[in-house]
Amino acid sequence: MFAVVRTGGKQYRVAAGDKIAVEKLAGEAGDTVTLGDVLLAGEGETIADASKVTVSAEIIAQAKSEKVVVFKKRRRHNYRRKAGHRQQMTLLRITDVGAGAAKKAPAKKAAAPKADAKPAAEKKAAPAKKPAAEKKAPAKKAAAPKKAAADKKPAAKKAPAKKAPAKKAAPKADKK
């Protein structure tokens, strides 16, 4: 069975076992993703209902595509700019194209409570850090000598010299 899916603003014709490179998707290598925007599906020359078809894929790797060189030039103006760009992409292996629910990645429920326990411990440690911030306040006393230096008599400012107005060149007389 094949399907036409849309992801990253582009359309791809895929079947089970195909490998494709798409715009960057969230996830790490080994994760399973579902490509939900199925435009067309079928088998051979028959067309199936695309709304009932799901496409699941496994992320092979997160990579960068080939470098694109951008070169700008304006003739006779000594203007040249060269830049390069490598687009982020995700390599996918299509695992299943068919009707029904897609395979989901296993949920990590055991890791969630541990993550909640750490912020609670950090909240208890946070009040202890606040007095340290108060200790930094007396360090501002070092700035006082700078004000004392500013209290010294300022040097007399010199008046800016006036420049003579620029002379205009007289128009050249035409020779006839």
C-alpha atoms as a PDB file:
ATOM      1  CA  MET A   1       0.000   0.000   0.000  1.00  0.00           C
ATOM      2  CA  PHE A   2       1.222   3.543  -0.725  1.00  0.00           C
ATOM      3  CA  ALA A   3       0.279   6.966   0.583  1.00  0.00           C
ATOM      4  CA  VAL A   4       0.995  10.589  -0.245  1.00  0.00           C
ATOM      5  CA  VAL A   5       1.781  12.534   2.933  1.00  0.00           C
ATOM      6  CA  ARG A   6       2.475  16.198   3.521  1.00  0.00           C
ATOM      7  CA  THR A   7       5.105  17.312   6.040  1.00  0.00           C
ATOM      8  CA  GLY A   8       7.290  20.400   6.168  1.00  0.00           C
ATOM      9  CA  GLY A   9       5.342  21.992   3.296  1.00  0.00           C
ATOM     10  CA  LYS A  10       6.314  19.216   0.872  1.00  0.00           C
ATOM     11  CA  GLN A  11       4.552  16.078  -0.330  1.00  0.00           C
ATOM     12  CA  TYR A  12       6.069  12.594  -0.384  1.00  0.00           C
ATOM     13  CA  ARG A  13       4.830   9.327  -1.897  1.00  0.00           C
ATOM     14  CA  VAL A  14       5.715   6.618   0.606  1.00  0.00           C
ATOM     15  CA  ALA A  15       5.263   2.892   1.114  1.00  0.00           C
ATOM     16  CA  ALA A  16       6.290   0.559   3.919  1.00  0.00           C
ATOM     17  CA  GLY A  17      10.089   0.208   4.065  1.00  0.00           C
ATOM     18  CA  ASP A  18      10.875   3.486   2.224  1.00  0.00           C
ATOM     19  CA  LYS A  19      13.488   5.904   3.545  1.00  0.00           C
ATOM     20  CA  ILE A  20      12.851   9.633   3.103  1.00  0.00           C
ATOM     21  CA  ALA A  21      14.503  12.877   4.214  1.00  0.00           C
ATOM     22  CA  VAL A  22      12.030  15.501   5.473  1.00  0.00           C
ATOM     23  CA  GLU A  23      12.200  18.902   7.172  1.00  0.00           C
ATOM     24  CA  LYS A  24      13.294  18.643  10.810  1.00  0.00           C
ATOM     25  CA  LEU A  25      10.828  16.867  13.104  1.00  0.00           C
ATOM     26  CA  ALA A  26      10.948  16.747  16.889  1.00  0.00           C
ATOM     27  CA  GLY A  27      12.386  13.528  18.309  1.00  0.00           C
ATOM     28  CA  GLU A  28      15.546  11.506  18.600  1.00  0.00           C
ATOM     29  CA  ALA A  29      16.911   8.539  16.682  1.00  0.00           C
ATOM     30  CA  GLY A  30      14.797   5.460  17.360  1.00  0.00           C
ATOM     31  CA  ASP A  31      11.593   7.391  18.164  1.00  0.00           C
ATOM     32  CA  THR A  32       8.376   6.587  16.292  1.00  0.00           C
ATOM     33  CA  VAL A  33       6.368   9.408  14.709  1.00  0.00           C
ATOM     34  CA  THR A  34       3.021   9.469  12.951  1.00  0.00           C
ATOM     35  CA  LEU A  35       2.667  11.443   9.743  1.00  0.00           C
ATOM     36  CA  GLY A  36      -0.923  12.548  10.116  1.00  0.00           C
ATOM     37  CA  ASP A  37      -1.566  14.629   6.998  1.00  0.00           C
ATOM     38  CA  VAL A  38      -2.358  11.861   4.486  1.00  0.00           C
ATOM     39  CA  LEU A  39      -3.532  13.322   1.165  1.00  0.00           C
ATOM     40  CA  LEU A  40      -3.987  10.157  -0.886  1.00  0.00           C
ATOM     41  CA  ALA A  41      -3.758   6.439  -0.270  1.00  0.00           C
ATOM     42  CA  GLY A  42      -4.151   3.347  -2.374  1.00  0.00           C
ATOM     43  CA  GLU A  43      -2.912  -0.035  -3.450  1.00  0.00           C
ATOM     44  CA  GLY A  44      -1.986  -0.696  -7.041  1.00  0.00           C
ATOM     45  CA  GLU A  45      -4.461   1.331  -9.084  1.00  0.00           C
ATOM     46  CA  THR A  46      -7.214   1.468  -6.467  1.00  0.00           C
ATOM     47  CA  ILE A  47      -7.643   4.487  -4.241  1.00  0.00           C
ATOM     48  CA  ALA A  48      -8.525   4.090  -0.540  1.00  0.00           C
ATOM     49  CA  ASP A  49     -10.124   6.594   1.849  1.00  0.00           C
ATOM     50  CA  ALA A  50      -7.197   8.787   2.943  1.00  0.00           C
ATOM     51  CA  SER A  51      -8.896   9.905   6.173  1.00  0.00           C
ATOM     52  CA  LYS A  52      -8.738   6.342   7.542  1.00  0.00           C
ATOM     53  CA  VAL A  53      -5.102   5.709   6.600  1.00  0.00           C
ATOM     54  CA  THR A  54      -2.232   6.364   8.997  1.00  0.00           C
ATOM     55  CA  VAL A  55       1.469   6.444   8.226  1.00  0.00           C
ATOM     56  CA  SER A  56       3.963   5.657  10.979  1.00  0.00           C
ATOM     57  CA  ALA A  57       7.697   6.101  10.654  1.00  0.00           C
ATOM     58  CA  GLU A  58      10.836   5.597  12.700  1.00  0.00           C
ATOM     59  CA  ILE A  59      13.425   8.361  12.995  1.00  0.00           C
ATOM     60  CA  ILE A  60      16.757   7.082  11.707  1.00  0.00           C
ATOM     61  CA  ALA A  61      18.787  10.227  12.373  1.00  0.00           C
ATOM     62  CA  GLN A  62      18.732  14.008  12.683  1.00  0.00           C
ATOM     63  CA  ALA A  63      21.115  15.451  10.091  1.00  0.00           C
ATOM     64  CA  LYS A  64      21.927  18.405   7.851  1.00  0.00           C
ATOM     65  CA  SER A  65      21.339  18.476   4.120  1.00  0.00           C
ATOM     66  CA  GLU A  66      23.848  19.474   1.460  1.00  0.00           C
ATOM     67  CA  LYS A  67      25.356  22.948   1.636  1.00  0.00           C
ATOM     68  CA  VAL A  68      23.737  25.623  -0.490  1.00  0.00           C
ATOM     69  CA  VAL A  69      26.111  28.432  -1.516  1.00  0.00           C
ATOM     70  CA  VAL A  70      24.595  31.919  -1.755  1.00  0.00           C
ATOM     71  CA  PHE A  71      26.734  34.260  -3.843  1.00  0.00           C
ATOM     72  CA  LYS A  72      25.732  37.863  -4.528  1.00  0.00           C
ATOM     73  CA  LYS A  73      27.605  40.122  -6.937  1.00  0.00           C
ATOM     74  CA  ARG A  74      27.059  43.503  -8.521  1.00  0.00           C
ATOM     75  CA  ARG A  75      29.164  44.175 -11.544  1.00  0.00           C
ATOM     76  CA  ARG A  76      31.562  47.098 -11.513  1.00  0.00           C
ATOM     77  CA  HIS A  77      30.704  48.010  -7.910  1.00  0.00           C
ATOM     78  CA  ASN A  78      33.234  45.835  -6.040  1.00  0.00           C
ATOM     79  CA  TYR A  79      30.357  44.090  -4.252  1.00  0.00           C
ATOM     80  CA  ARG A  80      30.653  40.376  -3.551  1.00  0.00           C
ATOM     81  CA  ARG A  81      29.072  38.421  -0.701  1.00  0.00           C
ATOM     82  CA  LYS A  82      29.374  34.679  -0.180  1.00  0.00           C
ATOM     83  CA  ALA A  83      27.379  32.743   2.395  1.00  0.00           C
ATOM     84  CA  GLY A  84      26.373  29.133   2.909  1.00  0.00           C
ATOM     85  CA  HIS A  85      23.404  27.345   4.459  1.00  0.00           C
ATOM     86  CA  ARG A  86      22.753  23.755   5.566  1.00  0.00           C
ATOM     87  CA  GLN A  87      19.107  22.934   6.250  1.00  0.00           C
ATOM     88  CA  GLN A  88      18.228  20.724   9.229  1.00  0.00           C
ATOM     89  CA  MET A  89      16.482  17.506   8.206  1.00  0.00           C
ATOM     90  CA  THR A  90      15.214  14.252   9.652  1.00  0.00           C
ATOM     91  CA  LEU A  91      15.796  10.853   8.040  1.00  0.00           C
ATOM     92  CA  LEU A  92      12.726   8.597   8.332  1.00  0.00           C
ATOM     93  CA  ARG A  93      12.087   4.915   7.649  1.00  0.00           C
ATOM     94  CA  ILE A  94       8.400   4.272   6.919  1.00  0.00           C
ATOM     95  CA  THR A  95       7.353   1.333   9.091  1.00  0.00           C
ATOM     96  CA  ASP A  96       3.645   1.062   8.379  1.00  0.00           C
ATOM     97  CA  VAL A  97       1.122   2.415   5.881  1.00  0.00           C
ATOM     98  CA  GLY A  98      -2.371   1.206   6.586  1.00  0.00           C
ATOM     99  CA  ALA A  99      -5.754   1.685   8.201  1.00  0.00           C
ATOM    100  CA  GLY A 100      -6.163   1.852  11.958  1.00  0.00           C
ATOM    101  CA  ALA A 101      -4.310   3.405  14.845  1.00  0.00           C
ATOM    102  CA  ALA A 102      -0.619   4.069  14.473  1.00  0.00           C
ATOM    103  CA  LYS A 103       1.952   2.550  16.786  1.00  0.00           C
ATOM    104  CA  LYS A 104       2.854   4.938  19.563  1.00  0.00           C
ATOM    105  CA  ALA A 105       6.199   5.305  21.309  1.00  0.00           C
ATOM    106  CA  PRO A 106       6.268   3.771  24.811  1.00  0.00           C
ATOM    107  CA  ALA A 107       5.426   6.350  27.466  1.00  0.00           C
ATOM    108  CA  LYS A 108       8.055   7.033  30.123  1.00  0.00           C
ATOM    109  CA  LYS A 109       5.808   7.215  33.195  1.00  0.00           C
ATOM    110  CA  ALA A 110       8.468   6.038  35.655  1.00  0.00           C
ATOM    111  CA  ALA A 111      10.755   8.977  34.828  1.00  0.00           C
ATOM    112  CA  ALA A 112       8.016  11.589  35.373  1.00  0.00           C
ATOM    113  CA  PRO A 113       7.758  11.285  39.213  1.00  0.00           C
ATOM    114  CA  LYS A 114      11.536  11.575  39.580  1.00  0.00           C
ATOM    115  CA  ALA A 115      11.493  14.765  37.542  1.00  0.00           C
ATOM    116  CA  ASP A 116       8.771  16.202  39.822  1.00  0.00           C
ATOM    117  CA  ALA A 117      10.775  15.328  42.954  1.00  0.00           C
ATOM    118  CA  LYS A 118      13.855  17.315  41.912  1.00  0.00           C
ATOM    119  CA  PRO A 119      12.114  20.703  41.476  1.00  0.00           C
ATOM    120  CA  ALA A 120      10.594  20.312  44.954  1.00  0.00           C
ATOM    121  CA  ALA A 121      14.092  19.896  46.418  1.00  0.00           C
ATOM    122  CA  GLU A 122      15.296  22.895  44.438  1.00  0.00           C
ATOM    123  CA  LYS A 123      12.433  25.007  45.818  1.00  0.00           C
ATOM    124  CA  LYS A 124      13.616  24.248  49.356  1.00  0.00           C
ATOM    125  CA  ALA A 125      17.192  25.174  48.450  1.00  0.00           C
ATOM    126  CA  ALA A 126      16.141  28.430  46.744  1.00  0.00           C
ATOM    127  CA  PRO A 127      15.439  30.409  49.993  1.00  0.00           C
ATOM    128  CA  ALA A 128      18.983  29.623  51.172  1.00  0.00           C
ATOM    129  CA  LYS A 129      20.364  31.371  48.091  1.00  0.00           C
ATOM    130  CA  LYS A 130      18.465  34.627  48.723  1.00  0.00           C
ATOM    131  CA  PRO A 131      20.688  35.758  51.658  1.00  0.00           C
ATOM    132  CA  ALA A 132      23.684  35.305  49.376  1.00  0.00           C
ATOM    133  CA  ALA A 133      22.175  37.918  47.079  1.00  0.00           C
ATOM    134  CA  GLU A 134      21.856  40.291  50.047  1.00  0.00           C
ATOM    135  CA  LYS A 135      25.568  39.861  50.824  1.00  0.00           C
ATOM    136  CA  LYS A 136      26.375  41.188  47.356  1.00  0.00           C
ATOM    137  CA  ALA A 137      24.681  44.509  48.149  1.00  0.00           C
ATOM    138  CA  PRO A 138      27.551  45.813  50.407  1.00  0.00           C
ATOM    139  CA  ALA A 139      29.943  45.317  47.506  1.00  0.00           C
ATOM    140  CA  LYS A 140      28.446  48.451  45.947  1.00  0.00           C
ATOM    141  CA  LYS A 141      30.399  50.557  48.481  1.00  0.00           C
ATOM    142  CA  ALA A 142      33.405  50.279  46.195  1.00  0.00           C
ATOM    143  CA  ALA A 143      31.586  52.559  43.772  1.00  0.00           C
ATOM    144  CA  ALA A 144      31.732  55.462  46.276  1.00  0.00           C
ATOM    145  CA  PRO A 145      35.377  56.448  45.510  1.00  0.00           C
ATOM    146  CA  LYS A 146      34.374  57.025  41.913  1.00  0.00           C
ATOM    147  CA  LYS A 147      31.940  59.674  43.092  1.00  0.00           C
ATOM    148  CA  ALA A 148      34.709  61.287  45.148  1.00  0.00           C
ATOM    149  CA  ALA A 149      36.825  61.514  42.044  1.00  0.00           C
ATOM    150  CA  ALA A 150      33.904  63.141  40.283  1.00  0.00           C
ATOM    151  CA  ASP A 151      33.651  65.758  43.079  1.00  0.00           C
ATOM    152  CA  LYS A 152      37.027  67.235  42.048  1.00  0.00           C
ATOM    153  CA  LYS A 153      36.924  70.529  40.224  1.00  0.00           C
ATOM    154  CA  PRO A 154      36.086  69.989  36.602  1.00  0.00           C
ATOM    155  CA  ALA A 155      38.618  71.270  34.119  1.00  0.00           C
ATOM    156  CA  ALA A 156      37.636  74.399  32.251  1.00  0.00           C
ATOM    157  CA  LYS A 157      36.106  73.508  28.923  1.00  0.00           C
ATOM    158  CA  LYS A 158      37.515  75.157  25.872  1.00  0.00           C
ATOM    159  CA  ALA A 159      35.092  76.834  23.520  1.00  0.00           C
ATOM    160  CA  PRO A 160      35.035  75.133  20.139  1.00  0.00           C
ATOM    161  CA  ALA A 161      36.889  77.052  17.485  1.00  0.00           C
ATOM    162  CA  LYS A 162      34.710  78.535  14.763  1.00  0.00           C
ATOM    163  CA  LYS A 163      35.508  77.401  11.296  1.00  0.00           C
ATOM    164  CA  ALA A 164      35.589  79.804   8.409  1.00  0.00           C
ATOM    165  CA  PRO A 165      32.771  79.240   5.914  1.00  0.00           C
ATOM    166  CA  ALA A 166      33.848  77.192   2.935  1.00  0.00           C
ATOM    167  CA  LYS A 167      34.435  79.166  -0.244  1.00  0.00           C
ATOM    168  CA  LYS A 168      32.365  78.233  -3.226  1.00  0.00           C
ATOM    169  CA  ALA A 169      34.211  77.632  -6.460  1.00  0.00           C
ATOM    170  CA  ALA A 170      33.396  80.129  -9.147  1.00  0.00           C
ATOM    171  CA  PRO A 171      31.712  78.643 -12.215  1.00  0.00           C
ATOM    172  CA  LYS A 172      34.101  78.143 -15.104  1.00  0.00           C
ATOM    173  CA  ALA A 173      33.533  80.259 -18.127  1.00  0.00           C
ATOM    174  CA  ASP A 174      32.610  78.444 -21.300  1.00  0.00           C
ATOM    175  CA  LYS A 175      35.068  78.896 -24.165  1.00  0.00           C
ATOM    176  CA  LYS A 176      33.498  79.535 -27.550  1.00  0.00           C
END
